[in-house]
Amino acid sequence: MMETKFMFSPKVYGLLYSICSLVALVVLVCGVMVSLISSGVLGVWVGMEVNFLGAVCFMSGVYVEESESVMKYFIVQVVGSCFLVLGLLMLVYGEFLLLVESFSMMGLAIKLGIFPFHFWVPGVMSSLSWFACFVVSVVQKVAPLWLLSNFCLGSGVVNVMELLGILTCLVGCVGGIGMLNYRALMGYSSLSHLGFLVILCLAEVSLFWSYLVVYGLLNLMLMTSLWSLSIYSYSDLLKEGDVSYYTELVWISFYFLSLAGIPPFSGIFLKVYFLVSCWSFAPLGCVLCLMGSAVSVYFYLGVVIDMVVYWGKSTCIMFGKDNSKYISLVGFVSVIVNIGIGYPLFLLCGT
């Protein structure tokens, strides 16, 4: 895909971009903290808007395509915020109480990308940088999920949200099949995991934290590794590289196996934790989400196979040589994150 670059002086642009990114990151983190420590719903909303402002500034990048994705994201989030603040104001002033849950849940669904408002997630993430993708898929979920988990919902609304969570998971699992743009694929992956997170939020307050932390760690390490090798789609795997490049592809493939929930990788914790926590609350939802997750294994394994195939390019070069020097920082971190912390996470499931 052709990308059009903004024409600025490299030194001036680099300095301004670094300063703006740092300020935006501080605003982003402060917004999340304000939402988490606020005692009222309007305080949570204010924190979400501060967080959103920092996210938009942080996501704005070098290329025109990134700016287009940020504009789409901005429009979607503004619409979601309008519905959410209307619902919260009705709750605060005691007016139209029958519409409070509908408006609030619609606003959260739009902001999170819950079905049927999921369409913007892959489209926005497909043109963003990897760090911006991490912000959209993980950081921007923290405050809305916290609000959802603390919202007192009626049984009817809970059932509807549970159904929407299941459908979100299924859409994410099916939509990623055949996707060659890895950023869009990670968008569908985030939809798949969002379905699990929604049901965890409905089951009990704060259940989603452990899931979100592990998922966020896997996402952060994966996206950082892909960024370090400038891999954004299948076509980027076709470029020639040295032995260490092909070796790092194998280490990166561990993250995809982990997200697929294949033992003994750490990602299996996410499925086991979800099953243990939510079986008594929504047994049918657990079954449907896990069945959808089994479908998502197909596109995760597709990426793994693509990466491992290129491992064959380096085997003849590495044959008979000392392979220890090819275990890079990427490989060390991958082994620790995907395998090393797996057993402690299983112990956490049993507590």
Protein backbone atom coordinates (compact mmCIF):
# COMPACT_ATOMS: atom_id res chain seq x y z
CA MET A 1 0.00 0.00 0.00
CA MET A 2 1.34 3.41 -0.97
CA GLU A 3 1.72 5.72 1.98
CA THR A 4 1.92 9.49 1.62
CA LYS A 5 4.26 11.19 4.04
CA PHE A 6 3.86 14.69 5.41
CA MET A 7 6.58 17.05 4.22
CA PHE A 8 8.38 18.55 7.22
CA SER A 9 11.96 19.15 8.19
CA PRO A 10 13.09 15.82 9.72
CA LYS A 11 14.86 17.39 12.71
CA VAL A 12 12.07 19.83 13.55
CA TYR A 13 9.37 17.24 13.02
CA GLY A 14 11.23 14.62 15.09
CA LEU A 15 11.64 17.00 18.03
CA LEU A 16 8.04 18.21 17.95
CA TYR A 17 6.71 14.69 17.49
CA SER A 18 8.70 13.38 20.47
CA ILE A 19 7.52 16.19 22.76
CA CYS A 20 3.89 15.89 21.65
CA SER A 21 3.95 12.10 22.04
CA LEU A 22 5.33 12.40 25.58
CA VAL A 23 2.69 14.96 26.58
CA ALA A 24 -0.06 12.87 24.97
CA LEU A 25 1.13 9.77 26.82
CA VAL A 26 0.99 11.62 30.15
CA VAL A 27 -2.53 12.87 29.39
CA LEU A 28 -3.54 9.35 28.35
CA VAL A 29 -2.36 7.79 31.61
CA CYS A 30 -3.81 10.62 33.72
CA GLY A 31 -7.20 10.14 32.07
CA VAL A 32 -7.24 6.46 32.96
CA MET A 33 -6.25 7.20 36.56
CA VAL A 34 -8.96 9.86 36.91
CA SER A 35 -11.58 7.37 35.73
CA LEU A 36 -10.40 4.68 38.14
CA ILE A 37 -10.26 6.87 41.25
CA SER A 38 -13.45 8.88 40.63
CA SER A 39 -16.30 8.23 43.04
CA GLY A 40 -19.04 9.50 40.70
CA VAL A 41 -20.14 8.54 37.21
CA LEU A 42 -19.53 12.01 35.79
CA GLY A 43 -15.97 11.91 37.14
CA VAL A 44 -15.46 8.61 35.33
CA TRP A 45 -16.79 10.19 32.14
CA VAL A 46 -14.46 13.20 32.48
CA GLY A 47 -11.52 10.83 32.91
CA MET A 48 -12.58 8.92 29.81
CA GLU A 49 -12.67 12.14 27.78
CA VAL A 50 -9.23 13.22 29.03
CA ASN A 51 -7.99 9.74 28.16
CA PHE A 52 -9.57 10.03 24.71
CA LEU A 53 -7.89 13.39 24.10
CA GLY A 54 -4.48 11.94 24.94
CA ALA A 55 -5.15 8.88 22.79
CA VAL A 56 -6.04 10.95 19.71
CA CYS A 57 -2.87 13.03 20.06
CA PHE A 58 -0.73 9.95 20.68
CA MET A 59 -2.22 8.05 17.72
CA SER A 60 -1.62 10.85 15.19
CA GLY A 61 1.40 9.74 13.22
CA VAL A 62 3.61 10.49 10.24
CA TYR A 63 1.43 9.16 7.43
CA VAL A 64 -1.80 10.46 5.93
CA GLU A 65 -3.39 7.02 6.34
CA GLU A 66 -2.81 7.22 10.10
CA SER A 67 -4.55 10.59 10.24
CA GLU A 68 -7.53 9.18 8.36
CA SER A 69 -7.82 6.33 10.86
CA VAL A 70 -7.55 8.76 13.77
CA MET A 71 -10.36 10.85 12.27
CA LYS A 72 -12.59 7.76 11.99
CA TYR A 73 -11.75 6.86 15.57
CA PHE A 74 -12.49 10.42 16.70
CA ILE A 75 -15.96 10.42 15.09
CA VAL A 76 -16.89 7.03 16.55
CA GLN A 77 -15.74 7.98 20.05
CA VAL A 78 -17.57 11.32 19.96
CA VAL A 79 -20.83 9.59 19.02
CA GLY A 80 -20.31 7.03 21.80
CA SER A 81 -19.55 9.79 24.31
CA CYS A 82 -22.75 11.64 23.38
CA PHE A 83 -24.91 8.60 24.14
CA LEU A 84 -22.95 7.83 27.30
CA VAL A 85 -23.12 11.33 28.78
CA LEU A 86 -26.86 11.54 28.02
CA GLY A 87 -27.42 8.32 29.94
CA LEU A 88 -25.25 9.45 32.86
CA LEU A 89 -26.97 12.86 33.06
CA MET A 90 -30.36 11.14 33.14
CA LEU A 91 -29.08 9.01 36.00
CA VAL A 92 -27.69 11.98 37.95
CA TYR A 93 -30.82 14.13 37.60
CA GLY A 94 -33.31 11.28 37.92
CA GLU A 95 -35.00 11.98 34.58
CA PHE A 96 -36.13 9.36 32.04
CA LEU A 97 -34.74 6.56 34.19
CA LEU A 98 -36.11 3.93 31.82
CA LEU A 99 -33.67 5.18 29.17
CA VAL A 100 -30.58 5.38 31.40
CA GLU A 101 -29.42 1.81 30.83
CA SER A 102 -30.18 1.89 27.10
CA PHE A 103 -28.27 5.12 26.41
CA SER A 104 -25.37 4.26 28.71
CA MET A 105 -24.89 0.75 27.34
CA MET A 106 -25.18 1.98 23.75
CA GLY A 107 -22.50 4.59 24.42
CA LEU A 108 -20.17 2.02 25.98
CA ALA A 109 -20.86 -0.43 23.14
CA ILE A 110 -19.90 2.18 20.55
CA LYS A 111 -16.76 3.24 22.41
CA LEU A 112 -15.59 -0.35 23.00
CA GLY A 113 -16.62 -1.75 19.62
CA ILE A 114 -19.16 -4.25 20.94
CA PHE A 115 -21.45 -5.86 18.34
CA PRO A 116 -23.23 -4.37 16.36
CA PHE A 117 -20.85 -1.39 16.60
CA HIS A 118 -17.75 -3.48 15.97
CA PHE A 119 -17.20 -2.41 12.36
CA TRP A 120 -14.82 0.46 13.12
CA VAL A 121 -12.20 -1.54 15.05
CA PRO A 122 -10.42 -3.43 12.22
CA GLY A 123 -10.76 -0.49 9.83
CA VAL A 124 -9.18 1.95 12.26
CA MET A 125 -6.39 -0.36 13.43
CA SER A 126 -5.43 -1.42 9.89
CA SER A 127 -3.65 1.91 9.21
CA LEU A 128 -2.31 2.84 12.64
CA SER A 129 1.17 2.34 14.04
CA TRP A 130 1.69 -0.66 16.32
CA PHE A 131 1.80 1.48 19.45
CA ALA A 132 -1.43 3.20 18.44
CA CYS A 133 -2.96 -0.24 17.87
CA PHE A 134 -2.00 -1.16 21.43
CA VAL A 135 -3.67 2.00 22.73
CA VAL A 136 -6.91 1.21 20.87
CA SER A 137 -7.01 -2.50 21.70
CA VAL A 138 -5.97 -2.34 25.37
CA VAL A 139 -5.54 1.08 27.00
CA GLN A 140 -8.80 2.54 25.68
CA LYS A 141 -10.73 -0.43 27.07
CA VAL A 142 -9.74 0.13 30.71
CA ALA A 143 -12.09 2.95 31.73
CA PRO A 144 -15.19 1.76 29.78
CA LEU A 145 -14.84 -1.79 31.11
CA TRP A 146 -14.39 -0.43 34.64
CA LEU A 147 -17.61 1.57 34.25
CA LEU A 148 -19.43 -1.43 32.78
CA SER A 149 -18.37 -3.72 35.61
CA ASN A 150 -19.61 -1.23 38.24
CA PHE A 151 -22.92 -0.41 36.53
CA CYS A 152 -26.00 -1.79 38.29
CA LEU A 153 -27.94 -3.34 35.40
CA GLY A 154 -31.32 -5.03 35.35
CA SER A 155 -31.52 -8.71 34.49
CA GLY A 156 -32.91 -7.97 31.02
CA VAL A 157 -30.06 -5.62 30.12
CA VAL A 158 -27.53 -8.10 31.52
CA ASN A 159 -28.91 -10.80 29.23
CA VAL A 160 -28.75 -8.46 26.23
CA MET A 161 -25.16 -7.44 27.01
CA GLU A 162 -24.21 -11.08 27.48
CA LEU A 163 -25.63 -11.87 24.04
CA LEU A 164 -23.79 -8.92 22.49
CA GLY A 165 -20.56 -10.06 24.16
CA ILE A 166 -20.97 -13.54 22.66
CA LEU A 167 -21.70 -12.10 19.20
CA THR A 168 -18.68 -9.79 19.48
CA CYS A 169 -16.48 -12.78 20.25
CA LEU A 170 -17.89 -14.76 17.32
CA VAL A 171 -17.51 -11.85 14.89
CA GLY A 172 -13.90 -11.37 15.94
CA CYS A 173 -13.12 -15.07 15.58
CA VAL A 174 -14.66 -15.38 12.11
CA GLY A 175 -13.57 -11.99 10.76
CA GLY A 176 -9.86 -12.67 11.17
CA ILE A 177 -9.89 -15.68 8.83
CA GLY A 178 -7.85 -14.99 5.70
CA MET A 179 -6.68 -11.57 6.91
CA LEU A 180 -3.21 -10.70 5.57
CA ASN A 181 -2.98 -7.27 7.20
CA TYR A 182 -1.70 -8.13 10.68
CA ARG A 183 -2.93 -4.87 12.20
CA ALA A 184 -6.48 -5.59 11.02
CA LEU A 185 -6.05 -9.17 12.22
CA MET A 186 -5.12 -7.89 15.68
CA GLY A 187 -8.25 -5.76 15.51
CA TYR A 188 -10.39 -8.86 15.04
CA SER A 189 -8.37 -10.54 17.78
CA SER A 190 -9.20 -7.67 20.15
CA LEU A 191 -12.90 -8.11 19.30
CA SER A 192 -12.63 -11.79 20.15
CA HIS A 193 -11.10 -11.05 23.54
CA LEU A 194 -13.51 -8.16 24.11
CA GLY A 195 -16.37 -10.66 24.15
CA PHE A 196 -14.68 -12.51 27.01
CA LEU A 197 -14.05 -9.26 28.87
CA VAL A 198 -17.67 -8.11 28.59
CA ILE A 199 -18.97 -11.34 30.12
CA LEU A 200 -16.36 -11.13 32.89
CA CYS A 201 -17.54 -7.57 33.66
CA LEU A 202 -21.14 -8.75 33.87
CA ALA A 203 -20.29 -11.73 36.08
CA GLU A 204 -18.66 -9.80 38.91
CA VAL A 205 -16.97 -6.48 39.61
CA SER A 206 -13.20 -6.45 38.93
CA LEU A 207 -13.08 -9.98 37.47
CA PHE A 208 -11.86 -8.58 34.17
CA TRP A 209 -8.65 -7.09 35.61
CA SER A 210 -6.54 -10.25 35.60
CA TYR A 211 -7.66 -11.11 32.07
CA LEU A 212 -7.00 -7.58 30.78
CA VAL A 213 -3.53 -7.36 32.36
CA VAL A 214 -2.35 -10.66 30.85
CA TYR A 215 -3.92 -9.90 27.47
CA GLY A 216 -2.41 -6.40 27.52
CA LEU A 217 1.05 -7.78 28.32
CA LEU A 218 0.88 -10.27 25.46
CA ASN A 219 -0.36 -7.57 23.09
CA LEU A 220 2.31 -5.08 24.14
CA MET A 221 5.18 -7.54 23.70
CA LEU A 222 3.81 -8.85 20.38
CA MET A 223 3.24 -5.42 18.87
CA THR A 224 6.61 -4.13 20.08
CA SER A 225 8.34 -7.14 18.49
CA LEU A 226 6.49 -6.67 15.19
CA TRP A 227 7.33 -2.96 15.23
CA SER A 228 11.02 -3.71 15.80
CA LEU A 229 11.07 -5.81 12.62
CA SER A 230 8.75 -3.45 10.65
CA ILE A 231 6.22 -6.22 10.03
CA TYR A 232 2.70 -5.01 9.28
CA SER A 233 1.33 -7.56 6.83
CA TYR A 234 2.13 -10.86 5.12
CA SER A 235 4.01 -9.06 2.34
CA ASP A 236 6.55 -7.79 4.89
CA LEU A 237 7.56 -11.39 5.60
CA LEU A 238 8.76 -11.71 2.00
CA LYS A 239 11.62 -9.26 2.44
CA GLU A 240 15.10 -10.66 2.75
CA GLY A 241 16.85 -10.59 6.11
CA ASP A 242 19.74 -12.11 7.99
CA VAL A 243 19.62 -15.18 10.21
CA SER A 244 18.64 -13.23 13.31
CA TYR A 245 15.63 -11.79 11.46
CA TYR A 246 14.25 -15.24 10.63
CA THR A 247 15.03 -16.47 14.12
CA GLU A 248 13.08 -13.63 15.70
CA LEU A 249 10.06 -14.55 13.57
CA VAL A 250 9.93 -17.88 15.39
CA TRP A 251 10.05 -16.17 18.78
CA ILE A 252 7.30 -13.77 17.70
CA SER A 253 5.14 -16.70 16.60
CA PHE A 254 5.01 -17.77 20.27
CA TYR A 255 2.82 -14.74 21.01
CA PHE A 256 0.28 -15.81 18.40
CA LEU A 257 0.23 -19.32 19.85
CA SER A 258 -0.30 -17.80 23.28
CA LEU A 259 -3.18 -15.60 22.10
CA ALA A 260 -4.70 -18.67 20.46
CA GLY A 261 -4.85 -20.30 23.90
CA ILE A 262 -2.65 -23.27 23.05
CA PRO A 263 -0.92 -24.91 26.06
CA PRO A 264 1.69 -24.67 27.51
CA PHE A 265 1.80 -21.00 26.53
CA SER A 266 0.62 -18.35 28.97
CA GLY A 267 -2.42 -17.43 26.89
CA ILE A 268 -4.21 -20.62 27.94
CA PHE A 269 -4.63 -18.86 31.30
CA LEU A 270 -7.08 -16.46 29.66
CA LYS A 271 -9.41 -19.27 28.59
CA VAL A 272 -9.12 -21.22 31.85
CA TYR A 273 -9.63 -18.09 33.95
CA PHE A 274 -12.70 -17.15 31.91
CA LEU A 275 -14.17 -20.64 32.21
CA VAL A 276 -13.57 -20.88 35.97
CA SER A 277 -14.91 -17.38 36.65
CA CYS A 278 -17.99 -17.33 34.43
CA TRP A 279 -19.26 -20.92 34.21
CA SER A 280 -21.75 -20.50 37.05
CA PHE A 281 -22.91 -17.13 35.66
CA ALA A 282 -23.25 -17.91 31.94
CA PRO A 283 -22.55 -21.56 31.04
CA LEU A 284 -24.01 -21.24 27.54
CA GLY A 285 -22.03 -18.05 26.95
CA CYS A 286 -18.83 -19.81 28.04
CA VAL A 287 -19.45 -22.67 25.61
CA LEU A 288 -20.20 -20.37 22.66
CA CYS A 289 -17.22 -18.10 23.33
CA LEU A 290 -14.84 -21.04 23.66
CA MET A 291 -16.21 -22.55 20.44
CA GLY A 292 -15.61 -19.24 18.69
CA SER A 293 -12.13 -19.12 20.20
CA ALA A 294 -11.45 -22.53 18.69
CA VAL A 295 -12.27 -21.04 15.27
CA SER A 296 -9.84 -18.17 15.88
CA VAL A 297 -7.04 -20.72 16.33
CA TYR A 298 -7.23 -21.15 12.55
CA PHE A 299 -6.07 -17.63 11.68
CA TYR A 300 -3.55 -17.53 14.53
CA LEU A 301 -1.99 -20.75 13.25
CA GLY A 302 -2.03 -19.28 9.74
CA VAL A 303 0.24 -16.47 10.90
CA VAL A 304 2.45 -18.90 12.83
CA ILE A 305 2.84 -21.14 9.77
CA ASP A 306 3.73 -18.11 7.62
CA MET A 307 6.47 -17.16 10.07
CA VAL A 308 7.80 -20.65 10.67
CA VAL A 309 8.01 -21.35 6.93
CA TYR A 310 10.55 -18.54 6.62
CA TRP A 311 12.53 -20.20 9.39
CA GLY A 312 13.51 -22.72 6.69
CA LYS A 313 15.41 -20.00 4.87
CA SER A 314 17.93 -19.79 7.68
CA THR A 315 18.35 -23.44 8.63
CA CYS A 316 21.02 -24.11 6.04
CA ILE A 317 22.96 -21.03 7.17
CA MET A 318 22.68 -21.93 10.84
CA PHE A 319 23.54 -25.60 10.34
CA GLY A 320 26.78 -26.40 12.10
CA LYS A 321 27.11 -22.98 13.72
CA ASP A 322 26.78 -21.81 17.29
CA ASN A 323 23.08 -20.96 17.59
CA SER A 324 23.31 -19.30 21.00
CA LYS A 325 24.11 -15.91 19.48
CA TYR A 326 20.77 -15.97 17.66
CA ILE A 327 18.82 -15.97 20.92
CA SER A 328 18.19 -12.24 21.00
CA LEU A 329 16.38 -9.99 23.44
CA VAL A 330 13.17 -10.62 21.48
CA GLY A 331 13.58 -14.36 21.97
CA PHE A 332 14.42 -14.06 25.67
CA VAL A 333 11.38 -11.87 26.39
CA SER A 334 9.15 -14.13 24.29
CA VAL A 335 10.15 -17.23 26.25
CA ILE A 336 9.67 -15.47 29.61
CA VAL A 337 6.28 -13.96 28.72
CA ASN A 338 4.80 -16.92 26.85
CA ILE A 339 6.24 -19.85 28.80
CA GLY A 340 7.96 -18.63 31.97
CA ILE A 341 4.92 -17.01 33.59
CA GLY A 342 2.51 -19.74 32.50
CA TYR A 343 2.73 -21.82 35.68
CA PRO A 344 2.21 -18.88 38.09
CA LEU A 345 -0.84 -17.89 36.06
CA PHE A 346 -2.28 -21.39 36.45
CA LEU A 347 -1.76 -21.09 40.20
CA LEU A 348 -3.70 -17.83 40.03
CA CYS A 349 -6.59 -19.66 38.37
CA GLY A 350 -6.76 -22.07 41.28
CA THR A 351 -7.03 -19.36 43.94
